[in-house]
Every structure is written in C-alpha cells, then in structure tokens.
Amino acid sequence: MSLKGNKNHKKYNRYDLSGDYGIGYTFKNEEFYFDLEDYEKIKEDCWHIDANGYVINGKRKRLHRIIMNLSNSNIPIDHINHKKYDNRKNNLRIVNKSQNAMNQSMSSANTSGFTGVSWHKAKGKWRAYIKINYKQKDLGYYDSFEDAKQARLQAENERFGEYSYKNSMKVGE
C-alpha cells in the first residue's frame, strides 16, 4: 500500500498565531513571518527556506508571491527590510526592475564597507559613484572617506528616494 497522499505522512509547519503577526516554523525550525489574515492562504502548504533565503513551498512557489497574489515572475516584489523570510504586507511592495536594483544590499566584492565608495589608487583619493538605470555615474573624488560617503548618500537620496537601501532599512528598523 502506497503512503503517498496519506495526510498523516505529510510534513507540516508549526505556527504561532498569538501575536500581531504570524510566525511559521519550517521543519528545520527556521522562522518566517506573515500577516494573520494570510494564514488561511498558506496553512496547507509545507514551507521551507531555499538557498537564496526565500520561503517556498514544495511546488517552488514563493510565499511573498502568493501573499501579494502575483503569479507573474517578471514583476519584482521587493522585501523592503531585506529580510526574505518577512512576508508581511507592510514589508512587501511591487516594484519595477530599476526600483528593485536601487534597493540592493552591498556587494560581497565591496572592500570599502560602503556601497558606491571605493579607493582610487592612481589618484590617491576616495571615489564616489552611483548606478542609475544600470549605468555607473561618477560623483567625484574626495580626500576623505566621510566626504565620499556623504556624496553617495546625497545622490542616493535624490535619485532613489524611498527605494534607497539606506532609506528602506530605516523602515525595517
């Protein structure tokens, strides 16, 4: 007798619905968050966290897409606070590809510790730059790291606004 389809052998998640929002626990005991009103949408699936940090079900559907009722994978959904396990609606927004690129965290190749600032060896100065519509724009060369950071932050605020990584982090704090 096949046990496939026998509900007693399906892995289920545990849920804590006692707070302001729901907390789900994968079978590896990893937490993920959702709005209480979305519990009925998600309770029958077995959720886990994939290698990219997204909460997915056995059909490889991402939780944030189900919550936002968006099946078209060409339309990006931004996790405002950069926590892919936080799928509450106040942390999700539909964006275009350019807006999504504005809200990316620092590259692992960054050596200065600050996005858009690097040391220019030939000039012996700090260089500030920003990418707009996938094109890099120089913001200038500075004697101090702090001045280069300030130039980058100012450009980010002017050009990215609410989609700026630093501004979105303020929302998630």
N, C-alpha and C. Protein backbone atom coordinates (compact mmCIF):
# COMPACT_ATOMS: atom_id res chain seq x y z
N MET A 1 0.85 -1.19 0.00
CA MET A 1 0.00 0.00 0.00
C MET A 1 0.89 1.24 0.00
N SER A 2 0.60 2.15 -0.89
CA SER A 2 1.39 3.38 -1.00
C SER A 2 0.98 4.38 0.08
N LEU A 3 1.99 5.03 0.66
CA LEU A 3 1.71 6.05 1.67
C LEU A 3 1.63 7.44 1.04
N LYS A 4 1.89 7.53 -0.27
CA LYS A 4 1.84 8.81 -0.95
C LYS A 4 0.42 9.36 -0.85
N GLY A 5 0.31 10.62 -0.49
CA GLY A 5 -1.00 11.23 -0.37
C GLY A 5 -1.65 11.01 0.99
N ASN A 6 -1.06 10.15 1.82
CA ASN A 6 -1.60 9.93 3.16
C ASN A 6 -1.24 11.14 4.00
N LYS A 7 -2.27 11.88 4.42
CA LYS A 7 -2.07 13.14 5.15
C LYS A 7 -1.24 12.95 6.41
N ASN A 8 -1.27 11.79 7.00
CA ASN A 8 -0.51 11.56 8.24
C ASN A 8 0.99 11.57 8.01
N HIS A 9 1.43 11.44 6.76
CA HIS A 9 2.86 11.41 6.47
C HIS A 9 3.37 12.68 5.81
N LYS A 10 2.51 13.68 5.61
CA LYS A 10 2.91 14.95 5.02
C LYS A 10 3.57 15.81 6.10
N LYS A 11 4.64 16.48 5.72
CA LYS A 11 5.30 17.38 6.68
C LYS A 11 4.52 18.69 6.72
N TYR A 12 4.27 19.15 7.91
CA TYR A 12 3.57 20.41 8.09
C TYR A 12 4.44 21.35 8.89
N ASN A 13 4.16 22.64 8.74
CA ASN A 13 4.85 23.64 9.53
C ASN A 13 4.10 23.86 10.83
N ARG A 14 4.83 24.39 11.80
CA ARG A 14 4.19 24.83 13.05
C ARG A 14 3.96 26.32 12.93
N TYR A 15 2.93 26.83 13.60
CA TYR A 15 2.59 28.25 13.54
C TYR A 15 2.31 28.79 14.93
N ASP A 16 2.73 30.03 15.12
CA ASP A 16 2.37 30.79 16.32
C ASP A 16 1.52 31.95 15.84
N LEU A 17 0.25 31.94 16.20
CA LEU A 17 -0.70 32.96 15.76
C LEU A 17 -1.12 33.87 16.91
N SER A 18 -0.35 33.89 17.98
CA SER A 18 -0.74 34.61 19.19
C SER A 18 -0.34 36.08 19.22
N GLY A 19 0.48 36.54 18.27
CA GLY A 19 0.95 37.92 18.29
C GLY A 19 0.26 38.80 17.27
N ASP A 20 0.89 39.93 16.96
CA ASP A 20 0.34 40.86 15.97
C ASP A 20 0.46 40.32 14.55
N TYR A 21 1.35 39.37 14.35
CA TYR A 21 1.54 38.73 13.06
C TYR A 21 1.89 37.27 13.30
N GLY A 22 1.74 36.46 12.27
CA GLY A 22 2.00 35.03 12.40
C GLY A 22 3.48 34.72 12.23
N ILE A 23 3.92 33.72 12.97
CA ILE A 23 5.28 33.21 12.82
C ILE A 23 5.15 31.74 12.46
N GLY A 24 5.73 31.39 11.31
CA GLY A 24 5.76 30.00 10.89
C GLY A 24 7.13 29.43 11.18
N TYR A 25 7.17 28.13 11.37
CA TYR A 25 8.44 27.42 11.62
C TYR A 25 8.55 26.28 10.61
N THR A 26 9.63 26.28 9.85
CA THR A 26 9.85 25.19 8.90
C THR A 26 10.19 23.92 9.68
N PHE A 27 10.27 22.80 8.97
CA PHE A 27 10.65 21.55 9.64
C PHE A 27 12.08 21.60 10.17
N LYS A 28 12.87 22.59 9.70
CA LYS A 28 14.22 22.81 10.24
C LYS A 28 14.19 23.88 11.34
N ASN A 29 12.99 24.27 11.74
CA ASN A 29 12.76 25.25 12.80
C ASN A 29 13.22 26.67 12.43
N GLU A 30 13.23 26.98 11.12
CA GLU A 30 13.54 28.33 10.65
C GLU A 30 12.26 29.15 10.68
N GLU A 31 12.35 30.39 11.17
CA GLU A 31 11.18 31.25 11.28
C GLU A 31 10.89 31.97 9.97
N PHE A 32 9.60 32.20 9.72
CA PHE A 32 9.16 33.10 8.67
C PHE A 32 7.91 33.81 9.16
N TYR A 33 7.71 35.04 8.66
CA TYR A 33 6.63 35.90 9.15
C TYR A 33 5.59 36.14 8.07
N PHE A 34 4.35 36.34 8.52
CA PHE A 34 3.24 36.63 7.61
C PHE A 34 2.15 37.32 8.41
N ASP A 35 1.24 37.99 7.71
CA ASP A 35 0.09 38.62 8.37
C ASP A 35 -0.91 37.54 8.77
N LEU A 36 -1.53 37.73 9.92
CA LEU A 36 -2.50 36.75 10.40
C LEU A 36 -3.61 36.50 9.38
N GLU A 37 -4.01 37.54 8.66
CA GLU A 37 -5.08 37.39 7.67
C GLU A 37 -4.70 36.47 6.51
N ASP A 38 -3.40 36.20 6.34
CA ASP A 38 -2.95 35.32 5.26
C ASP A 38 -2.78 33.86 5.68
N TYR A 39 -3.05 33.55 6.93
CA TYR A 39 -2.86 32.19 7.42
C TYR A 39 -3.66 31.18 6.61
N GLU A 40 -4.90 31.51 6.29
CA GLU A 40 -5.74 30.56 5.52
C GLU A 40 -5.15 30.26 4.15
N LYS A 41 -4.45 31.24 3.55
CA LYS A 41 -3.83 31.05 2.23
C LYS A 41 -2.64 30.08 2.29
N ILE A 42 -1.97 30.02 3.43
CA ILE A 42 -0.67 29.34 3.47
C ILE A 42 -0.64 28.08 4.31
N LYS A 43 -1.65 27.85 5.12
CA LYS A 43 -1.58 26.80 6.14
C LYS A 43 -1.47 25.38 5.59
N GLU A 44 -1.95 25.13 4.37
CA GLU A 44 -1.95 23.76 3.84
C GLU A 44 -0.64 23.37 3.15
N ASP A 45 0.22 24.34 2.89
CA ASP A 45 1.49 24.04 2.23
C ASP A 45 2.59 23.82 3.26
N CYS A 46 3.56 23.05 2.86
CA CYS A 46 4.75 22.85 3.69
C CYS A 46 5.82 23.81 3.18
N TRP A 47 6.19 24.78 4.00
CA TRP A 47 7.12 25.84 3.61
C TRP A 47 8.51 25.53 4.11
N HIS A 48 9.49 25.92 3.31
CA HIS A 48 10.89 25.84 3.74
C HIS A 48 11.64 27.02 3.13
N ILE A 49 12.86 27.22 3.55
CA ILE A 49 13.66 28.34 3.06
C ILE A 49 14.68 27.79 2.07
N ASP A 50 14.69 28.38 0.86
CA ASP A 50 15.59 27.88 -0.18
C ASP A 50 16.99 28.47 -0.04
N ALA A 51 17.88 28.09 -0.94
CA ALA A 51 19.29 28.51 -0.87
C ALA A 51 19.45 30.02 -1.01
N ASN A 52 18.47 30.70 -1.60
CA ASN A 52 18.53 32.16 -1.76
C ASN A 52 17.87 32.90 -0.60
N GLY A 53 17.33 32.15 0.35
CA GLY A 53 16.72 32.77 1.52
C GLY A 53 15.23 33.02 1.42
N TYR A 54 14.62 32.64 0.30
CA TYR A 54 13.18 32.85 0.13
C TYR A 54 12.39 31.69 0.74
N VAL A 55 11.20 32.00 1.23
CA VAL A 55 10.30 30.99 1.76
C VAL A 55 9.51 30.42 0.58
N ILE A 56 9.64 29.10 0.35
CA ILE A 56 8.97 28.47 -0.79
C ILE A 56 8.24 27.21 -0.32
N ASN A 57 7.29 26.79 -1.15
CA ASN A 57 6.59 25.54 -0.85
C ASN A 57 7.13 24.43 -1.74
N GLY A 58 6.56 23.25 -1.64
CA GLY A 58 7.03 22.10 -2.40
C GLY A 58 6.90 22.25 -3.90
N LYS A 59 6.03 23.18 -4.33
CA LYS A 59 5.87 23.44 -5.76
C LYS A 59 6.80 24.57 -6.21
N ARG A 60 7.71 24.97 -5.33
CA ARG A 60 8.70 26.02 -5.57
C ARG A 60 8.06 27.39 -5.78
N LYS A 61 6.86 27.58 -5.23
CA LYS A 61 6.21 28.88 -5.28
C LYS A 61 6.67 29.69 -4.06
N ARG A 62 7.02 30.92 -4.30
CA ARG A 62 7.50 31.78 -3.22
C ARG A 62 6.33 32.36 -2.44
N LEU A 63 6.49 32.36 -1.13
CA LEU A 63 5.43 32.81 -0.24
C LEU A 63 5.03 34.26 -0.52
N HIS A 64 6.00 35.14 -0.77
CA HIS A 64 5.65 36.54 -0.99
C HIS A 64 4.79 36.73 -2.24
N ARG A 65 4.95 35.89 -3.25
CA ARG A 65 4.14 36.00 -4.46
C ARG A 65 2.70 35.55 -4.20
N ILE A 66 2.55 34.53 -3.37
CA ILE A 66 1.21 34.06 -3.01
C ILE A 66 0.50 35.12 -2.17
N ILE A 67 1.21 35.69 -1.22
CA ILE A 67 0.61 36.71 -0.35
C ILE A 67 0.21 37.94 -1.15
N MET A 68 1.01 38.33 -2.13
CA MET A 68 0.71 39.51 -2.94
C MET A 68 -0.17 39.19 -4.15
N ASN A 69 -0.62 37.91 -4.26
CA ASN A 69 -1.47 37.47 -5.37
C ASN A 69 -0.84 37.81 -6.72
N LEU A 70 0.43 37.52 -6.86
CA LEU A 70 1.16 37.85 -8.08
C LEU A 70 1.89 36.62 -8.60
N SER A 71 1.39 36.07 -9.68
CA SER A 71 2.00 34.86 -10.23
C SER A 71 3.01 35.17 -11.32
N ASN A 72 2.94 36.36 -11.92
CA ASN A 72 3.86 36.74 -13.00
C ASN A 72 5.26 36.97 -12.40
N SER A 73 6.18 36.07 -12.68
CA SER A 73 7.52 36.15 -12.09
C SER A 73 8.38 37.25 -12.71
N ASN A 74 7.89 37.90 -13.78
CA ASN A 74 8.62 39.01 -14.38
C ASN A 74 8.40 40.33 -13.64
N ILE A 75 7.44 40.34 -12.74
CA ILE A 75 7.17 41.54 -11.96
C ILE A 75 7.83 41.36 -10.59
N PRO A 76 8.82 42.20 -10.27
CA PRO A 76 9.53 42.04 -9.00
C PRO A 76 8.69 42.47 -7.79
N ILE A 77 8.90 41.76 -6.70
CA ILE A 77 8.36 42.16 -5.40
C ILE A 77 9.56 42.41 -4.50
N ASP A 78 9.57 43.57 -3.89
CA ASP A 78 10.68 43.97 -3.04
C ASP A 78 10.38 43.67 -1.58
N HIS A 79 11.32 43.04 -0.90
CA HIS A 79 11.26 42.91 0.56
C HIS A 79 11.94 44.16 1.10
N ILE A 80 11.16 45.11 1.57
CA ILE A 80 11.67 46.44 1.93
C ILE A 80 12.80 46.35 2.95
N ASN A 81 12.63 45.52 3.98
CA ASN A 81 13.66 45.45 5.03
C ASN A 81 14.75 44.42 4.73
N HIS A 82 14.72 43.85 3.51
CA HIS A 82 15.74 42.90 3.04
C HIS A 82 15.71 41.56 3.76
N LYS A 83 14.67 41.30 4.51
CA LYS A 83 14.54 40.01 5.20
C LYS A 83 13.55 39.17 4.39
N LYS A 84 14.08 38.24 3.62
CA LYS A 84 13.25 37.46 2.69
C LYS A 84 12.29 36.54 3.42
N TYR A 85 12.51 36.31 4.70
CA TYR A 85 11.59 35.47 5.48
C TYR A 85 10.45 36.30 6.06
N ASP A 86 10.51 37.64 5.91
CA ASP A 86 9.46 38.53 6.42
C ASP A 86 8.50 38.84 5.28
N ASN A 87 7.38 38.13 5.27
CA ASN A 87 6.42 38.24 4.18
C ASN A 87 5.13 38.92 4.61
N ARG A 88 5.26 39.85 5.56
CA ARG A 88 4.11 40.67 5.93
C ARG A 88 3.92 41.74 4.85
N LYS A 89 2.69 42.11 4.58
CA LYS A 89 2.41 43.05 3.50
C LYS A 89 3.08 44.40 3.71
N ASN A 90 3.31 44.81 4.96
CA ASN A 90 3.98 46.10 5.17
C ASN A 90 5.47 46.04 4.83
N ASN A 91 5.98 44.87 4.52
CA ASN A 91 7.38 44.69 4.11
C ASN A 91 7.50 44.37 2.63
N LEU A 92 6.38 44.28 1.93
CA LEU A 92 6.40 43.89 0.52
C LEU A 92 5.84 45.01 -0.33
N ARG A 93 6.45 45.22 -1.50
CA ARG A 93 5.91 46.18 -2.45
C ARG A 93 6.26 45.71 -3.86
N ILE A 94 5.34 45.95 -4.77
CA ILE A 94 5.56 45.64 -6.17
C ILE A 94 6.36 46.80 -6.75
N VAL A 95 7.45 46.46 -7.44
CA VAL A 95 8.36 47.47 -7.99
C VAL A 95 8.69 47.11 -9.43
N ASN A 96 9.38 48.02 -10.10
CA ASN A 96 9.93 47.66 -11.40
C ASN A 96 11.38 47.23 -11.19
N LYS A 97 12.01 46.74 -12.24
CA LYS A 97 13.38 46.22 -12.09
C LYS A 97 14.36 47.30 -11.66
N SER A 98 14.18 48.49 -12.14
CA SER A 98 15.08 49.59 -11.78
C SER A 98 14.94 49.94 -10.30
N GLN A 99 13.72 50.02 -9.80
CA GLN A 99 13.49 50.30 -8.38
C GLN A 99 14.06 49.19 -7.52
N ASN A 100 13.90 47.95 -7.96
CA ASN A 100 14.42 46.82 -7.19
C ASN A 100 15.95 46.88 -7.12
N ALA A 101 16.59 47.31 -8.20
CA ALA A 101 18.05 47.42 -8.22
C ALA A 101 18.53 48.52 -7.27
N MET A 102 17.72 49.55 -7.06
CA MET A 102 18.09 50.64 -6.15
C MET A 102 18.18 50.16 -4.71
N ASN A 103 17.46 49.11 -4.40
CA ASN A 103 17.32 48.65 -3.02
C ASN A 103 18.14 47.40 -2.75
N GLN A 104 19.27 47.27 -3.43
CA GLN A 104 20.12 46.10 -3.20
C GLN A 104 21.13 46.37 -2.11
N SER A 105 21.47 45.33 -1.39
CA SER A 105 22.47 45.45 -0.33
C SER A 105 23.87 45.51 -0.95
N MET A 106 24.83 45.78 -0.12
CA MET A 106 26.20 45.93 -0.56
C MET A 106 26.74 44.64 -1.18
N SER A 107 27.47 44.80 -2.24
CA SER A 107 28.07 43.66 -2.94
C SER A 107 29.13 42.99 -2.05
N SER A 108 29.23 41.70 -2.17
CA SER A 108 30.25 40.97 -1.39
C SER A 108 31.65 41.32 -1.87
N ALA A 109 31.77 41.90 -3.08
CA ALA A 109 33.08 42.30 -3.61
C ALA A 109 33.52 43.67 -3.08
N ASN A 110 32.63 44.37 -2.38
CA ASN A 110 32.95 45.70 -1.87
C ASN A 110 34.04 45.61 -0.80
N THR A 111 35.06 46.46 -0.92
CA THR A 111 36.16 46.44 0.05
C THR A 111 36.18 47.67 0.95
N SER A 112 35.39 48.71 0.61
CA SER A 112 35.40 49.93 1.43
C SER A 112 34.45 49.82 2.61
N GLY A 113 33.47 48.92 2.50
CA GLY A 113 32.46 48.80 3.56
C GLY A 113 31.28 49.72 3.34
N PHE A 114 31.23 50.41 2.21
CA PHE A 114 30.13 51.33 1.93
C PHE A 114 29.83 51.29 0.43
N THR A 115 28.58 51.02 0.07
CA THR A 115 28.18 50.93 -1.33
C THR A 115 28.44 52.25 -2.04
N GLY A 116 29.05 52.16 -3.22
CA GLY A 116 29.26 53.35 -4.04
C GLY A 116 30.48 54.17 -3.68
N VAL A 117 31.35 53.61 -2.84
CA VAL A 117 32.58 54.30 -2.45
C VAL A 117 33.73 53.32 -2.59
N SER A 118 34.79 53.76 -3.27
CA SER A 118 35.97 52.91 -3.42
C SER A 118 37.24 53.78 -3.41
N TRP A 119 38.34 53.14 -3.12
CA TRP A 119 39.63 53.82 -3.13
C TRP A 119 40.18 53.79 -4.55
N HIS A 120 40.55 54.96 -5.07
CA HIS A 120 41.14 55.05 -6.40
C HIS A 120 42.65 55.20 -6.22
N LYS A 121 43.34 54.12 -6.44
CA LYS A 121 44.77 54.05 -6.15
C LYS A 121 45.58 55.09 -6.95
N ALA A 122 45.31 55.21 -8.24
CA ALA A 122 46.07 56.12 -9.10
C ALA A 122 45.93 57.58 -8.67
N LYS A 123 44.75 57.97 -8.22
CA LYS A 123 44.52 59.36 -7.79
C LYS A 123 44.81 59.57 -6.31
N GLY A 124 44.88 58.45 -5.57
CA GLY A 124 45.10 58.56 -4.12
C GLY A 124 43.95 59.25 -3.41
N LYS A 125 42.73 58.99 -3.91
CA LYS A 125 41.53 59.61 -3.33
C LYS A 125 40.39 58.59 -3.28
N TRP A 126 39.38 58.94 -2.50
CA TRP A 126 38.16 58.14 -2.42
C TRP A 126 37.24 58.55 -3.55
N ARG A 127 36.71 57.58 -4.25
CA ARG A 127 35.80 57.82 -5.37
C ARG A 127 34.38 57.48 -4.94
N ALA A 128 33.44 58.37 -5.27
CA ALA A 128 32.02 58.11 -5.03
C ALA A 128 31.34 57.93 -6.38
N TYR A 129 30.42 56.98 -6.45
CA TYR A 129 29.70 56.71 -7.70
C TYR A 129 28.34 56.11 -7.38
N ILE A 130 27.48 56.11 -8.39
CA ILE A 130 26.14 55.56 -8.23
C ILE A 130 25.71 54.95 -9.56
N LYS A 131 24.91 53.91 -9.52
CA LYS A 131 24.38 53.32 -10.75
C LYS A 131 22.93 53.77 -10.91
N ILE A 132 22.64 54.30 -12.10
CA ILE A 132 21.29 54.73 -12.42
C ILE A 132 20.93 54.09 -13.76
N ASN A 133 19.82 53.36 -13.78
CA ASN A 133 19.41 52.62 -14.98
C ASN A 133 20.56 51.77 -15.51
N TYR A 134 21.25 51.12 -14.59
CA TYR A 134 22.33 50.17 -14.89
C TYR A 134 23.57 50.83 -15.49
N LYS A 135 23.67 52.16 -15.39
CA LYS A 135 24.86 52.87 -15.86
C LYS A 135 25.52 53.56 -14.68
N GLN A 136 26.83 53.40 -14.58
CA GLN A 136 27.58 53.99 -13.47
C GLN A 136 27.86 55.47 -13.74
N LYS A 137 27.61 56.30 -12.73
CA LYS A 137 27.83 57.75 -12.82
C LYS A 137 28.78 58.15 -11.71
N ASP A 138 29.87 58.82 -12.09
CA ASP A 138 30.83 59.30 -11.10
C ASP A 138 30.25 60.48 -10.33
N LEU A 139 30.51 60.51 -9.04
CA LEU A 139 30.07 61.62 -8.19
C LEU A 139 31.25 62.46 -7.72
N GLY A 140 32.44 62.04 -8.03
CA GLY A 140 33.63 62.82 -7.70
C GLY A 140 34.64 62.04 -6.90
N TYR A 141 35.80 62.69 -6.67
CA TYR A 141 36.90 62.12 -5.90
C TYR A 141 37.10 62.99 -4.66
N TYR A 142 37.37 62.35 -3.54
CA TYR A 142 37.41 63.05 -2.26
C TYR A 142 38.64 62.64 -1.46
N ASP A 143 39.14 63.60 -0.68
CA ASP A 143 40.29 63.32 0.17
C ASP A 143 39.92 62.40 1.32
N SER A 144 38.68 62.54 1.82
CA SER A 144 38.29 61.72 2.97
C SER A 144 37.18 60.73 2.60
N PHE A 145 37.22 59.61 3.26
CA PHE A 145 36.21 58.58 3.11
C PHE A 145 34.83 59.15 3.47
N GLU A 146 34.76 59.93 4.55
CA GLU A 146 33.48 60.51 5.01
C GLU A 146 32.86 61.41 3.95
N ASP A 147 33.69 62.23 3.28
CA ASP A 147 33.15 63.11 2.23
C ASP A 147 32.60 62.29 1.06
N ALA A 148 33.29 61.22 0.69
CA ALA A 148 32.82 60.35 -0.39
C ALA A 148 31.50 59.68 0.01
N LYS A 149 31.41 59.23 1.26
CA LYS A 149 30.17 58.62 1.76
C LYS A 149 29.02 59.61 1.69
N GLN A 150 29.26 60.84 2.12
CA GLN A 150 28.21 61.86 2.11
C GLN A 150 27.74 62.16 0.68
N ALA A 151 28.68 62.21 -0.26
CA ALA A 151 28.32 62.44 -1.66
C ALA A 151 27.43 61.31 -2.17
N ARG A 152 27.78 60.08 -1.82
CA ARG A 152 26.99 58.93 -2.25
C ARG A 152 25.60 58.97 -1.61
N LEU A 153 25.54 59.23 -0.32
CA LEU A 153 24.24 59.28 0.37
C LEU A 153 23.34 60.36 -0.21
N GLN A 154 23.90 61.52 -0.48
CA GLN A 154 23.11 62.62 -1.04
C GLN A 154 22.55 62.22 -2.41
N ALA A 155 23.40 61.64 -3.25
CA ALA A 155 22.95 61.21 -4.58
C ALA A 155 21.89 60.12 -4.47
N GLU A 156 22.08 59.21 -3.53
CA GLU A 156 21.12 58.12 -3.33
C GLU A 156 19.77 58.68 -2.90
N ASN A 157 19.77 59.61 -1.96
CA ASN A 157 18.51 60.21 -1.51
C ASN A 157 17.81 60.96 -2.63
N GLU A 158 18.58 61.70 -3.43
CA GLU A 158 17.99 62.48 -4.52
C GLU A 158 17.45 61.59 -5.63
N ARG A 159 18.17 60.54 -5.96
CA ARG A 159 17.81 59.75 -7.14
C ARG A 159 16.97 58.52 -6.82
N PHE A 160 17.16 57.94 -5.65
CA PHE A 160 16.45 56.71 -5.31
C PHE A 160 15.27 56.94 -4.36
N GLY A 161 15.34 57.99 -3.55
CA GLY A 161 14.26 58.29 -2.62
C GLY A 161 13.92 57.12 -1.71
N GLU A 162 12.66 56.74 -1.67
CA GLU A 162 12.20 55.66 -0.78
C GLU A 162 12.79 54.30 -1.14
N TYR A 163 13.32 54.16 -2.36
CA TYR A 163 13.88 52.87 -2.78
C TYR A 163 15.35 52.73 -2.41
N SER A 164 15.92 53.77 -1.87
CA SER A 164 17.31 53.71 -1.41
C SER A 164 17.46 52.62 -0.37
N TYR A 165 18.53 51.86 -0.46
CA TYR A 165 18.79 50.79 0.51
C TYR A 165 18.79 51.34 1.93
N LYS A 166 19.49 52.44 2.13
CA LYS A 166 19.57 53.02 3.48
C LYS A 166 18.23 53.54 3.96
N ASN A 167 17.42 54.14 3.05
CA ASN A 167 16.10 54.61 3.45
C ASN A 167 15.16 53.46 3.73
N SER A 168 15.28 52.38 2.96
CA SER A 168 14.40 51.24 3.21
C SER A 168 14.78 50.55 4.52
N MET A 169 16.05 50.59 4.89
CA MET A 169 16.46 49.99 6.15
C MET A 169 15.86 50.74 7.33
N LYS A 170 15.65 52.04 7.19
CA LYS A 170 15.00 52.83 8.26
C LYS A 170 13.58 52.33 8.49
N VAL A 171 12.90 51.93 7.41
CA VAL A 171 11.55 51.40 7.51
C VAL A 171 11.55 50.10 8.31
N GLY A 172 12.53 49.24 8.06
CA GLY A 172 12.59 47.93 8.70
C GLY A 172 13.13 47.93 10.11
N GLU A 173 13.63 49.06 10.58
CA GLU A 173 14.23 49.11 11.93
C GLU A 173 13.18 49.05 13.01
